[in-house]
N, C-alpha and C. Protein backbone atom coordinates (compact mmCIF):
# COMPACT_ATOMS: atom_id res chain seq x y z
N MET A 1 71.93 103.11 114.76
CA MET A 1 72.35 103.61 113.49
C MET A 1 71.28 104.55 112.94
N THR A 2 71.72 105.75 112.63
CA THR A 2 70.78 106.70 112.05
C THR A 2 70.58 106.39 110.55
N GLU A 3 69.21 106.32 110.18
CA GLU A 3 68.86 106.03 108.76
C GLU A 3 69.20 107.34 107.96
N GLY A 4 69.16 107.12 106.61
CA GLY A 4 69.38 108.30 105.70
C GLY A 4 68.32 109.34 105.83
N GLY A 5 68.61 110.54 105.37
CA GLY A 5 67.66 111.60 105.41
C GLY A 5 68.32 112.88 105.68
N ALA A 6 67.52 113.87 106.10
CA ALA A 6 68.07 115.22 106.38
C ALA A 6 69.08 115.28 107.54
N TYR A 7 70.01 116.08 107.45
CA TYR A 7 70.96 116.27 108.57
C TYR A 7 70.25 116.84 109.79
N ARG A 8 70.39 116.15 110.87
CA ARG A 8 69.68 116.63 112.15
C ARG A 8 70.68 116.49 113.26
N PRO A 9 71.49 117.57 113.46
CA PRO A 9 72.59 117.56 114.50
C PRO A 9 71.98 117.68 115.83
N VAL A 10 72.76 117.23 116.84
CA VAL A 10 72.32 117.34 118.23
C VAL A 10 73.58 117.85 119.02
N PRO A 11 73.36 118.48 120.15
CA PRO A 11 74.58 119.05 120.84
C PRO A 11 75.55 117.97 121.31
N LEU A 12 76.79 118.32 121.27
CA LEU A 12 77.88 117.51 121.76
C LEU A 12 77.86 117.54 123.26
N ALA A 13 77.44 116.43 123.79
CA ALA A 13 77.42 116.40 125.32
C ALA A 13 78.29 115.47 126.04
N THR A 14 79.23 114.84 125.21
CA THR A 14 80.17 113.78 125.79
C THR A 14 81.57 114.20 125.90
N PHE A 15 81.88 115.45 125.53
CA PHE A 15 83.29 115.88 125.46
C PHE A 15 83.64 116.60 126.85
N THR A 16 84.76 116.16 127.46
CA THR A 16 85.24 116.79 128.70
C THR A 16 86.65 117.33 128.48
N ARG A 17 86.82 118.64 128.66
CA ARG A 17 88.07 119.28 128.44
C ARG A 17 88.98 118.98 129.74
N LEU A 18 90.13 118.60 129.47
CA LEU A 18 91.05 118.30 130.57
C LEU A 18 92.18 119.37 130.65
N GLU A 19 92.82 119.47 131.80
CA GLU A 19 93.96 120.33 131.93
C GLU A 19 95.18 119.70 131.31
N ASP A 20 96.07 120.50 130.83
CA ASP A 20 97.21 120.02 130.04
C ASP A 20 97.98 118.95 130.84
N GLU A 21 98.28 119.21 132.06
CA GLU A 21 99.00 118.27 132.86
C GLU A 21 98.33 116.81 132.89
N GLU A 22 97.05 116.85 133.07
CA GLU A 22 96.31 115.56 133.13
C GLU A 22 96.37 114.93 131.72
N MET A 23 96.23 115.70 130.71
CA MET A 23 96.26 115.19 129.29
C MET A 23 97.62 114.50 129.04
N VAL A 24 98.64 115.11 129.48
CA VAL A 24 99.95 114.52 129.25
C VAL A 24 100.15 113.19 130.14
N CYS A 25 99.63 113.24 131.31
CA CYS A 25 99.66 112.09 132.19
C CYS A 25 98.87 110.93 131.58
N ARG A 26 97.66 111.23 131.16
CA ARG A 26 96.84 110.11 130.52
C ARG A 26 97.49 109.58 129.19
N ALA A 27 97.93 110.55 128.42
CA ALA A 27 98.58 110.06 127.18
C ALA A 27 99.72 109.17 127.42
N ARG A 28 100.63 109.50 128.37
CA ARG A 28 101.78 108.72 128.63
C ARG A 28 101.48 107.38 129.32
N ALA A 29 100.44 107.45 130.22
CA ALA A 29 100.00 106.16 130.85
C ALA A 29 99.45 105.23 129.84
N PHE A 30 98.60 105.74 128.85
CA PHE A 30 98.06 104.90 127.87
C PHE A 30 99.14 104.37 126.90
N ARG A 31 100.11 105.20 126.62
CA ARG A 31 101.23 104.72 125.80
C ARG A 31 102.00 103.56 126.50
N ASP A 32 102.22 103.75 127.77
CA ASP A 32 102.96 102.69 128.50
C ASP A 32 102.14 101.42 128.60
N GLU A 33 100.86 101.54 128.77
CA GLU A 33 99.97 100.33 128.83
C GLU A 33 100.04 99.61 127.50
N MET A 34 99.93 100.36 126.41
CA MET A 34 100.02 99.72 125.16
C MET A 34 101.34 99.11 124.80
N ARG A 35 102.39 99.71 125.23
CA ARG A 35 103.71 99.13 125.11
C ARG A 35 103.88 97.69 125.72
N ARG A 36 102.97 97.48 126.70
CA ARG A 36 102.96 96.12 127.26
C ARG A 36 102.28 95.14 126.56
N ARG A 37 101.50 95.54 125.60
CA ARG A 37 100.71 94.61 124.74
C ARG A 37 101.73 93.82 123.79
N ARG A 38 101.49 92.48 123.78
CA ARG A 38 102.28 91.62 122.96
C ARG A 38 101.41 90.66 122.12
N THR A 39 101.71 90.35 120.92
CA THR A 39 101.06 89.32 120.24
C THR A 39 101.39 87.95 120.83
N VAL A 40 100.48 87.18 121.13
CA VAL A 40 100.62 85.86 121.87
C VAL A 40 100.20 84.78 120.98
N ARG A 41 101.01 83.66 120.88
CA ARG A 41 100.70 82.50 120.06
C ARG A 41 100.46 81.25 120.87
N GLU A 42 100.67 81.38 122.22
CA GLU A 42 100.48 80.21 123.10
C GLU A 42 99.48 80.56 124.16
N TYR A 43 98.41 79.81 124.26
CA TYR A 43 97.24 80.21 125.15
C TYR A 43 96.91 79.11 126.03
N SER A 44 96.36 79.43 127.23
CA SER A 44 95.76 78.47 128.10
C SER A 44 94.36 78.30 127.67
N GLY A 45 93.70 77.29 128.14
CA GLY A 45 92.30 77.00 127.76
C GLY A 45 91.36 77.70 128.68
N GLU A 46 91.81 78.50 129.66
CA GLU A 46 91.00 79.18 130.66
C GLU A 46 89.94 79.99 129.98
N PRO A 47 88.66 79.78 130.33
CA PRO A 47 87.55 80.56 129.66
C PRO A 47 87.60 82.03 129.90
N VAL A 48 86.92 82.78 129.07
CA VAL A 48 86.84 84.23 129.20
C VAL A 48 85.39 84.55 129.32
N ALA A 49 85.10 85.46 130.24
CA ALA A 49 83.65 85.83 130.47
C ALA A 49 83.02 86.46 129.21
N ALA A 50 81.89 86.08 128.84
CA ALA A 50 81.16 86.67 127.70
C ALA A 50 80.99 88.10 127.86
N GLU A 51 80.72 88.58 129.00
CA GLU A 51 80.46 90.04 129.24
C GLU A 51 81.71 90.86 128.85
N VAL A 52 82.93 90.31 129.05
CA VAL A 52 84.13 91.02 128.66
C VAL A 52 84.18 91.17 127.14
N ILE A 53 84.01 90.04 126.47
CA ILE A 53 84.08 90.07 125.02
C ILE A 53 82.98 91.02 124.44
N ASP A 54 81.78 90.92 125.00
CA ASP A 54 80.67 91.74 124.50
C ASP A 54 81.02 93.22 124.69
N ALA A 55 81.55 93.65 125.82
CA ALA A 55 81.91 94.99 126.03
C ALA A 55 83.03 95.53 125.12
N CYS A 56 83.97 94.69 124.89
CA CYS A 56 85.06 95.07 123.94
C CYS A 56 84.50 95.22 122.53
N ILE A 57 83.66 94.31 122.06
CA ILE A 57 83.00 94.53 120.77
C ILE A 57 82.14 95.77 120.71
N GLU A 58 81.45 96.11 121.75
CA GLU A 58 80.70 97.29 121.79
C GLU A 58 81.64 98.50 121.60
N ALA A 59 82.79 98.50 122.30
CA ALA A 59 83.75 99.49 122.16
C ALA A 59 84.28 99.60 120.74
N ALA A 60 84.50 98.48 119.99
CA ALA A 60 84.86 98.48 118.55
C ALA A 60 83.78 99.09 117.75
N GLY A 61 82.54 98.87 118.13
CA GLY A 61 81.43 99.45 117.38
C GLY A 61 81.29 100.98 117.43
N THR A 62 82.07 101.65 118.32
CA THR A 62 82.06 103.04 118.31
C THR A 62 83.05 103.69 117.33
N ALA A 63 83.73 102.87 116.54
CA ALA A 63 84.76 103.38 115.64
C ALA A 63 84.10 104.34 114.61
N PRO A 64 84.92 105.40 114.23
CA PRO A 64 84.47 106.21 113.11
C PRO A 64 84.46 105.41 111.88
N ASN A 65 83.52 105.71 110.97
CA ASN A 65 83.34 104.89 109.73
C ASN A 65 82.66 105.72 108.68
N GLY A 66 82.78 105.18 107.44
CA GLY A 66 82.25 105.98 106.26
C GLY A 66 80.70 106.07 106.33
N ALA A 67 80.17 107.33 106.37
CA ALA A 67 78.80 107.55 106.26
C ALA A 67 77.95 106.91 107.44
N ASN A 68 78.63 106.55 108.54
CA ASN A 68 78.07 105.91 109.62
C ASN A 68 77.33 104.64 109.22
N ARG A 69 77.83 103.95 108.23
CA ARG A 69 77.23 102.74 107.76
C ARG A 69 77.63 101.56 108.64
N GLN A 70 78.70 101.63 109.40
CA GLN A 70 79.14 100.66 110.37
C GLN A 70 79.26 99.28 109.69
N PRO A 71 80.20 99.17 108.76
CA PRO A 71 80.18 98.05 107.86
C PRO A 71 80.96 96.81 108.39
N TRP A 72 80.63 96.42 109.60
CA TRP A 72 81.43 95.29 110.23
C TRP A 72 80.48 94.29 110.89
N HIS A 73 80.95 93.15 110.95
CA HIS A 73 80.23 92.12 111.74
C HIS A 73 81.30 91.20 112.46
N PHE A 74 81.00 90.96 113.73
CA PHE A 74 81.93 90.21 114.56
C PHE A 74 81.30 88.86 114.94
N VAL A 75 81.95 87.76 114.62
CA VAL A 75 81.41 86.41 115.02
C VAL A 75 82.31 85.88 116.08
N VAL A 76 81.72 85.67 117.35
CA VAL A 76 82.47 85.17 118.49
C VAL A 76 82.34 83.60 118.47
N VAL A 77 83.52 83.01 118.34
CA VAL A 77 83.57 81.50 118.24
C VAL A 77 84.08 80.96 119.55
N ARG A 78 83.29 80.06 120.15
CA ARG A 78 83.77 79.31 121.35
C ARG A 78 83.62 77.79 121.18
N ASP A 79 82.78 77.44 120.29
CA ASP A 79 82.53 75.99 120.05
C ASP A 79 83.76 75.20 119.63
N PRO A 80 84.27 74.23 120.34
CA PRO A 80 85.50 73.51 119.98
C PRO A 80 85.42 72.95 118.62
N GLU A 81 84.31 72.39 118.15
CA GLU A 81 84.20 71.81 116.86
C GLU A 81 84.35 72.85 115.78
N VAL A 82 83.68 74.02 115.94
CA VAL A 82 83.86 75.05 115.02
C VAL A 82 85.29 75.64 114.95
N LYS A 83 85.92 75.73 116.12
CA LYS A 83 87.44 76.15 116.16
C LYS A 83 88.23 75.10 115.39
N ARG A 84 87.94 73.85 115.58
CA ARG A 84 88.68 72.82 114.93
C ARG A 84 88.58 72.92 113.41
N ARG A 85 87.34 73.16 112.94
CA ARG A 85 87.14 73.35 111.47
C ARG A 85 87.91 74.53 110.92
N ILE A 86 87.89 75.64 111.73
CA ILE A 86 88.64 76.79 111.28
C ILE A 86 90.07 76.51 111.23
N ARG A 87 90.58 75.81 112.22
CA ARG A 87 92.09 75.45 112.16
C ARG A 87 92.37 74.66 110.93
N VAL A 88 91.58 73.60 110.72
CA VAL A 88 91.89 72.71 109.55
C VAL A 88 91.94 73.52 108.23
N GLU A 89 91.02 74.37 108.03
CA GLU A 89 90.95 75.19 106.83
C GLU A 89 92.05 76.21 106.77
N ALA A 90 92.29 76.84 107.93
CA ALA A 90 93.37 77.89 107.90
C ALA A 90 94.72 77.18 107.65
N GLU A 91 95.03 76.05 108.28
CA GLU A 91 96.26 75.41 107.96
C GLU A 91 96.51 74.91 106.61
N LYS A 92 95.37 74.61 105.90
CA LYS A 92 95.45 74.26 104.44
C LYS A 92 96.07 75.49 103.71
N GLU A 93 95.48 76.66 103.93
CA GLU A 93 95.94 77.82 103.29
C GLU A 93 97.39 78.16 103.67
N GLU A 94 97.66 78.03 104.94
CA GLU A 94 99.00 78.35 105.46
C GLU A 94 100.07 77.41 104.85
N ARG A 95 99.75 76.14 104.75
CA ARG A 95 100.73 75.23 104.12
C ARG A 95 101.00 75.61 102.64
N ASP A 96 99.97 75.97 101.96
CA ASP A 96 100.11 76.40 100.53
C ASP A 96 100.97 77.67 100.49
N PHE A 97 100.79 78.53 101.43
CA PHE A 97 101.55 79.82 101.53
C PHE A 97 102.95 79.63 101.77
N TYR A 98 103.26 78.84 102.84
CA TYR A 98 104.66 78.61 103.18
C TYR A 98 105.42 77.74 102.17
N GLU A 99 104.78 76.75 101.51
CA GLU A 99 105.42 75.85 100.68
C GLU A 99 105.41 76.26 99.18
N HIS A 100 104.44 77.10 98.80
CA HIS A 100 104.37 77.43 97.33
C HIS A 100 104.22 78.95 97.10
N ARG A 101 103.45 79.66 97.81
CA ARG A 101 103.06 81.02 97.35
C ARG A 101 103.92 82.07 97.85
N ALA A 102 104.60 81.90 99.06
CA ALA A 102 105.29 82.92 99.66
C ALA A 102 106.62 83.28 98.97
N PRO A 103 106.97 84.45 98.57
CA PRO A 103 108.31 84.74 98.01
C PRO A 103 109.33 84.52 99.04
N ALA A 104 110.56 84.26 98.64
CA ALA A 104 111.70 84.05 99.58
C ALA A 104 111.87 85.21 100.51
N ALA A 105 111.72 86.45 99.93
CA ALA A 105 111.99 87.66 100.80
C ALA A 105 110.89 87.69 101.89
N TRP A 106 109.71 87.36 101.62
CA TRP A 106 108.62 87.34 102.65
C TRP A 106 108.85 86.37 103.74
N LEU A 107 109.31 85.14 103.39
CA LEU A 107 109.68 84.13 104.30
C LEU A 107 110.87 84.58 105.18
N GLU A 108 111.83 85.28 104.58
CA GLU A 108 112.92 85.73 105.27
C GLU A 108 112.49 86.78 106.31
N ALA A 109 111.57 87.70 105.91
CA ALA A 109 111.06 88.69 106.81
C ALA A 109 110.32 88.11 108.01
N LEU A 110 109.68 86.95 107.82
CA LEU A 110 108.95 86.30 108.84
C LEU A 110 109.87 85.44 109.79
N SER A 111 111.07 85.17 109.31
CA SER A 111 111.82 84.13 110.08
C SER A 111 112.11 84.41 111.56
N HIS A 112 112.28 85.75 111.81
CA HIS A 112 112.69 86.07 113.22
C HIS A 112 111.49 85.99 114.12
N LEU A 113 110.25 85.81 113.57
CA LEU A 113 109.02 85.62 114.40
C LEU A 113 108.78 84.24 114.71
N GLY A 114 109.41 83.27 114.03
CA GLY A 114 109.25 81.82 114.40
C GLY A 114 107.89 81.31 113.98
N THR A 115 107.23 81.91 112.88
CA THR A 115 105.95 81.40 112.45
C THR A 115 106.05 80.31 111.44
N ASP A 116 105.09 79.46 111.35
CA ASP A 116 105.04 78.41 110.31
C ASP A 116 103.54 78.08 110.04
N GLU A 117 103.31 77.00 109.34
CA GLU A 117 101.89 76.65 108.95
C GLU A 117 101.07 76.13 110.08
N ARG A 118 101.69 75.76 111.21
CA ARG A 118 101.01 75.19 112.26
C ARG A 118 100.35 76.22 113.15
N LYS A 119 99.03 76.15 113.43
CA LYS A 119 98.24 77.17 114.13
C LYS A 119 97.47 76.53 115.27
N PRO A 120 98.10 75.95 116.27
CA PRO A 120 97.34 75.26 117.33
C PRO A 120 96.53 76.24 118.15
N PHE A 121 96.99 77.59 118.15
CA PHE A 121 96.24 78.49 118.96
C PHE A 121 94.75 78.71 118.56
N LEU A 122 94.46 78.25 117.30
CA LEU A 122 93.09 78.39 116.84
C LEU A 122 92.18 77.42 117.52
N GLU A 123 92.77 76.43 118.19
CA GLU A 123 91.92 75.46 119.05
C GLU A 123 92.17 75.72 120.52
N THR A 124 93.30 76.07 120.97
CA THR A 124 93.65 76.12 122.36
C THR A 124 93.12 77.42 122.92
N ALA A 125 93.10 78.53 122.25
CA ALA A 125 92.53 79.72 122.85
C ALA A 125 91.03 79.59 123.03
N PRO A 126 90.50 80.22 124.04
CA PRO A 126 89.12 80.01 124.37
C PRO A 126 88.17 80.74 123.41
N VAL A 127 88.58 81.79 122.79
CA VAL A 127 87.77 82.60 121.88
C VAL A 127 88.43 82.99 120.62
N LEU A 128 87.77 82.87 119.53
CA LEU A 128 88.15 83.45 118.24
C LEU A 128 87.13 84.48 117.88
N ILE A 129 87.52 85.56 117.35
CA ILE A 129 86.60 86.61 116.91
C ILE A 129 86.85 86.76 115.38
N ALA A 130 85.99 86.31 114.57
CA ALA A 130 86.13 86.47 113.16
C ALA A 130 85.46 87.75 112.79
N ILE A 131 86.25 88.68 112.18
CA ILE A 131 85.80 90.00 111.76
C ILE A 131 85.50 90.09 110.31
N PHE A 132 84.30 90.51 109.96
CA PHE A 132 83.91 90.58 108.51
C PHE A 132 83.62 92.01 108.15
N ALA A 133 84.07 92.30 106.94
CA ALA A 133 83.83 93.64 106.35
C ALA A 133 82.61 93.52 105.37
N GLU A 134 81.64 94.35 105.60
CA GLU A 134 80.39 94.33 104.81
C GLU A 134 80.51 95.32 103.65
N SER A 135 80.61 94.75 102.45
CA SER A 135 80.74 95.64 101.26
C SER A 135 79.50 96.37 100.90
N TYR A 136 78.36 95.78 101.22
CA TYR A 136 77.03 96.46 101.05
C TYR A 136 76.12 95.83 102.10
N GLU A 137 75.05 96.66 102.36
CA GLU A 137 74.04 96.19 103.31
C GLU A 137 72.77 95.75 102.49
N VAL A 138 72.08 94.72 102.97
CA VAL A 138 70.92 94.20 102.30
C VAL A 138 69.81 94.60 103.17
N ARG A 139 68.86 95.39 102.59
CA ARG A 139 67.55 95.76 103.23
C ARG A 139 66.44 95.32 102.32
N GLY A 140 65.87 94.22 102.62
CA GLY A 140 64.77 93.67 101.81
C GLY A 140 65.35 93.25 100.53
N GLU A 141 64.92 93.83 99.40
CA GLU A 141 65.36 93.57 98.05
C GLU A 141 66.47 94.55 97.62
N GLU A 142 66.72 95.58 98.48
CA GLU A 142 67.71 96.57 98.18
C GLU A 142 69.13 96.35 98.59
N LYS A 143 70.16 96.67 97.87
CA LYS A 143 71.50 96.55 98.18
C LYS A 143 72.00 98.02 98.36
N LEU A 144 72.45 98.36 99.55
CA LEU A 144 73.01 99.69 99.84
C LEU A 144 74.52 99.66 100.03
N LYS A 145 75.23 100.30 99.10
CA LYS A 145 76.65 100.29 99.15
C LYS A 145 77.18 100.92 100.46
N ASN A 146 78.22 100.35 101.00
CA ASN A 146 78.94 100.97 102.07
C ASN A 146 80.21 101.66 101.58
N TYR A 147 80.72 102.54 102.45
CA TYR A 147 81.88 103.42 101.99
C TYR A 147 83.05 103.35 102.95
N TYR A 148 84.22 103.41 102.40
CA TYR A 148 85.44 103.34 103.15
C TYR A 148 85.38 102.16 104.12
N VAL A 149 85.00 101.00 103.46
CA VAL A 149 84.84 99.78 104.29
C VAL A 149 86.12 99.30 104.94
N THR A 150 87.19 99.18 104.15
CA THR A 150 88.47 98.67 104.69
C THR A 150 89.00 99.56 105.76
N GLU A 151 88.95 100.91 105.53
CA GLU A 151 89.40 101.82 106.59
C GLU A 151 88.56 101.75 107.84
N SER A 152 87.23 101.64 107.69
CA SER A 152 86.38 101.60 108.82
C SER A 152 86.51 100.38 109.65
N VAL A 153 86.61 99.23 108.97
CA VAL A 153 86.80 97.97 109.69
C VAL A 153 88.11 97.90 110.33
N GLY A 154 89.20 98.44 109.66
CA GLY A 154 90.48 98.53 110.22
C GLY A 154 90.57 99.29 111.55
N ILE A 155 89.86 100.43 111.56
CA ILE A 155 89.86 101.24 112.79
C ILE A 155 89.12 100.53 113.90
N ALA A 156 88.05 99.91 113.65
CA ALA A 156 87.20 99.17 114.58
C ALA A 156 88.01 97.97 115.16
N THR A 157 88.79 97.31 114.22
CA THR A 157 89.59 96.18 114.78
C THR A 157 90.72 96.64 115.71
N GLY A 158 91.35 97.82 115.38
CA GLY A 158 92.30 98.36 116.28
C GLY A 158 91.76 98.70 117.64
N ILE A 159 90.53 99.28 117.65
CA ILE A 159 89.90 99.57 118.91
C ILE A 159 89.51 98.27 119.67
N LEU A 160 89.17 97.25 118.92
CA LEU A 160 88.86 96.01 119.59
C LEU A 160 90.12 95.39 120.26
N ILE A 161 91.22 95.34 119.56
CA ILE A 161 92.48 94.82 120.02
C ILE A 161 92.89 95.59 121.26
N THR A 162 92.78 96.91 121.25
CA THR A 162 93.13 97.76 122.40
C THR A 162 92.22 97.53 123.57
N ALA A 163 90.98 97.36 123.30
CA ALA A 163 89.96 97.10 124.37
C ALA A 163 90.31 95.74 125.14
N LEU A 164 90.47 94.73 124.33
CA LEU A 164 90.80 93.49 124.84
C LEU A 164 92.15 93.53 125.75
N HIS A 165 93.09 94.19 125.24
CA HIS A 165 94.35 94.33 126.05
C HIS A 165 94.07 95.09 127.37
N HIS A 166 93.34 96.12 127.20
CA HIS A 166 92.96 96.93 128.44
C HIS A 166 92.16 96.09 129.41
N ALA A 167 91.36 95.16 128.91
CA ALA A 167 90.54 94.26 129.82
C ALA A 167 91.43 93.16 130.40
N GLY A 168 92.70 92.99 129.99
CA GLY A 168 93.54 92.04 130.58
C GLY A 168 93.66 90.75 129.81
N LEU A 169 93.39 90.85 128.50
CA LEU A 169 93.48 89.61 127.65
C LEU A 169 94.63 89.78 126.65
N ALA A 170 95.12 88.68 126.07
CA ALA A 170 96.07 88.67 125.01
C ALA A 170 95.39 88.36 123.66
N THR A 171 95.92 88.80 122.63
CA THR A 171 95.39 88.64 121.30
C THR A 171 96.44 88.22 120.30
N LEU A 172 95.97 87.75 119.10
CA LEU A 172 96.79 87.44 117.91
C LEU A 172 95.94 87.77 116.74
N THR A 173 96.50 88.60 115.81
CA THR A 173 95.82 88.78 114.57
C THR A 173 96.31 87.81 113.54
N HIS A 174 95.34 87.09 113.02
CA HIS A 174 95.64 85.95 112.07
C HIS A 174 94.91 86.19 110.80
N THR A 175 95.65 86.17 109.70
CA THR A 175 95.07 86.45 108.35
C THR A 175 95.43 85.40 107.38
N PRO A 176 95.00 84.18 107.44
CA PRO A 176 95.34 83.21 106.41
C PRO A 176 94.70 83.72 105.05
N SER A 177 95.44 83.53 103.95
CA SER A 177 94.97 84.05 102.68
C SER A 177 94.94 82.93 101.70
N PRO A 178 93.75 82.82 101.04
CA PRO A 178 92.48 83.53 101.17
C PRO A 178 91.65 83.07 102.45
N MET A 179 90.79 83.85 102.86
CA MET A 179 89.98 83.53 104.09
C MET A 179 88.49 83.19 103.74
N GLY A 180 88.18 82.93 102.53
CA GLY A 180 86.87 82.67 102.20
C GLY A 180 86.10 81.55 102.92
N PHE A 181 86.94 80.68 103.38
CA PHE A 181 86.39 79.48 104.15
C PHE A 181 85.65 79.87 105.34
N LEU A 182 85.95 81.11 105.87
CA LEU A 182 85.24 81.56 107.07
C LEU A 182 83.70 81.83 106.79
N ASN A 183 83.47 82.26 105.59
CA ASN A 183 82.04 82.43 105.24
C ASN A 183 81.26 81.16 105.37
N LYS A 184 81.89 80.08 104.84
CA LYS A 184 81.24 78.81 104.88
C LYS A 184 81.16 78.22 106.26
N VAL A 185 82.23 78.20 106.96
CA VAL A 185 82.32 77.59 108.31
C VAL A 185 81.34 78.34 109.24
N LEU A 186 81.33 79.70 109.17
CA LEU A 186 80.46 80.51 110.07
C LEU A 186 79.09 80.94 109.47
N ASP A 187 78.82 80.48 108.30
CA ASP A 187 77.55 80.67 107.69
C ASP A 187 77.25 82.24 107.45
N ARG A 188 78.23 82.95 106.95
CA ARG A 188 78.09 84.37 106.73
C ARG A 188 77.72 84.64 105.28
N PRO A 189 76.97 85.70 104.93
CA PRO A 189 76.45 85.90 103.65
C PRO A 189 77.51 86.44 102.68
N ALA A 190 77.19 86.57 101.41
CA ALA A 190 78.19 86.91 100.38
C ALA A 190 78.56 88.38 100.44
N ASN A 191 77.75 89.16 101.03
CA ASN A 191 78.17 90.58 101.13
C ASN A 191 79.14 90.90 102.22
N GLU A 192 79.60 89.89 102.98
CA GLU A 192 80.61 90.01 103.98
C GLU A 192 81.88 89.39 103.61
N ARG A 193 82.94 90.08 103.71
CA ARG A 193 84.25 89.56 103.34
C ARG A 193 85.10 89.37 104.59
N PRO A 194 85.68 88.16 104.77
CA PRO A 194 86.52 88.09 106.00
C PRO A 194 87.66 88.98 106.07
N PHE A 195 87.84 89.75 107.14
CA PHE A 195 88.78 90.78 107.22
C PHE A 195 89.99 90.26 108.02
N LEU A 196 89.73 89.63 109.20
CA LEU A 196 90.72 89.25 110.13
C LEU A 196 90.21 88.19 111.11
N LEU A 197 91.02 87.31 111.59
CA LEU A 197 90.61 86.33 112.60
C LEU A 197 91.42 86.76 113.85
N LEU A 198 90.73 87.08 114.92
CA LEU A 198 91.39 87.56 116.18
C LEU A 198 91.34 86.49 117.18
N VAL A 199 92.45 86.11 117.59
CA VAL A 199 92.62 85.00 118.67
C VAL A 199 92.71 85.70 120.02
N VAL A 200 91.84 85.23 121.00
CA VAL A 200 91.73 85.93 122.27
C VAL A 200 91.78 84.92 123.44
N GLY A 201 92.48 85.33 124.44
CA GLY A 201 92.49 84.44 125.64
C GLY A 201 93.59 84.92 126.64
N TYR A 202 93.86 84.03 127.54
CA TYR A 202 94.99 84.29 128.47
C TYR A 202 96.23 83.53 127.94
N PRO A 203 97.47 84.14 128.10
CA PRO A 203 98.65 83.50 127.69
C PRO A 203 98.87 82.19 128.54
N ALA A 204 99.43 81.23 127.86
CA ALA A 204 99.83 79.95 128.66
C ALA A 204 100.95 80.36 129.56
N ASP A 205 101.01 79.63 130.69
CA ASP A 205 102.08 79.96 131.73
C ASP A 205 103.45 80.04 131.15
N ASP A 206 103.75 79.10 130.16
CA ASP A 206 105.08 79.10 129.61
C ASP A 206 105.20 79.77 128.17
N ALA A 207 104.20 80.73 127.98
CA ALA A 207 104.21 81.38 126.75
C ALA A 207 105.52 82.14 126.40
N LEU A 208 105.96 82.04 125.18
CA LEU A 208 107.16 82.79 124.73
C LEU A 208 106.76 83.72 123.58
N VAL A 209 107.54 84.82 123.52
CA VAL A 209 107.21 85.80 122.47
C VAL A 209 108.56 86.15 121.77
N PRO A 210 108.58 86.63 120.53
CA PRO A 210 109.75 87.05 119.84
C PRO A 210 110.47 88.21 120.60
N ASP A 211 111.74 88.22 120.50
CA ASP A 211 112.55 89.32 121.08
C ASP A 211 112.61 90.45 120.04
N ILE A 212 111.59 91.30 120.03
CA ILE A 212 111.50 92.42 119.08
C ILE A 212 111.33 93.73 119.79
N THR A 213 111.52 94.78 119.09
CA THR A 213 111.31 96.16 119.58
C THR A 213 110.46 96.94 118.58
N LYS A 214 109.95 98.06 118.99
CA LYS A 214 109.22 98.93 118.07
C LYS A 214 110.07 100.13 117.69
N LYS A 215 109.76 100.75 116.52
CA LYS A 215 110.51 101.92 116.07
C LYS A 215 110.20 103.12 117.01
N PRO A 216 111.28 103.84 117.36
CA PRO A 216 111.09 105.06 118.17
C PRO A 216 110.28 106.19 117.46
N LEU A 217 109.88 107.12 118.32
CA LEU A 217 109.01 108.20 117.77
C LEU A 217 109.59 108.93 116.52
N ASP A 218 110.94 109.16 116.51
CA ASP A 218 111.54 109.88 115.38
C ASP A 218 111.56 109.09 114.12
N ARG A 219 111.26 107.77 114.23
CA ARG A 219 111.21 106.92 113.02
C ARG A 219 109.79 106.80 112.45
N ILE A 220 108.76 107.12 113.32
CA ILE A 220 107.43 106.90 112.80
C ILE A 220 106.65 108.21 112.71
N ALA A 221 107.28 109.27 113.05
CA ALA A 221 106.51 110.60 113.05
C ALA A 221 107.43 111.72 112.73
N SER A 222 106.83 112.82 112.11
CA SER A 222 107.68 113.99 111.80
C SER A 222 106.84 115.14 112.04
N ARG A 223 107.50 116.32 112.06
CA ARG A 223 106.71 117.60 112.39
C ARG A 223 107.14 118.54 111.20
N ARG A 224 106.11 119.34 110.79
CA ARG A 224 106.28 120.31 109.71
C ARG A 224 105.90 121.71 110.17
């Protein structure tokens, strides 16, 4: 991370220009790979190599971000007792959501996905990655404001999900609301806000997923 100070540019040495045909081939191959990605809620307990998770987090750390402040922190959770505590706290919030806080329209929108307050994947999956957004950085006695935090952490999270899929793993984005319990369970400071809990692992042999499709190109993009 470059500290503040005068602008000191260096030559761009990492860009490789490709022929049009190869660009199209790569773009379509990547599109097809990502079309195979599915959100998975049923996991085997098979362990995942730490080197894989580390490399994917390093990929996430390359994300563009406001003023290069890199306002994210990733906590990798493997300890069964910590995962159990996370599940207990998450299910408390989920029960309140499904039984009291969720509007009828929201519950109707979720109905075709088969979700409810039960979150066994928080214990059965071998890895949880708690992603925190850092609203400001603490350097000694000084608090330094971060910029475009939500946008920056969102981009990094997208890269992380993509990297994990590319490495051969399944994921699930989990966002119990509120998520403040993660600070306590994972001993994170007040300047970090829980952004998302990412469940990571191999799908169970009998894993099922909802029968859904994605919107076609002409529904999600336009040309002017």
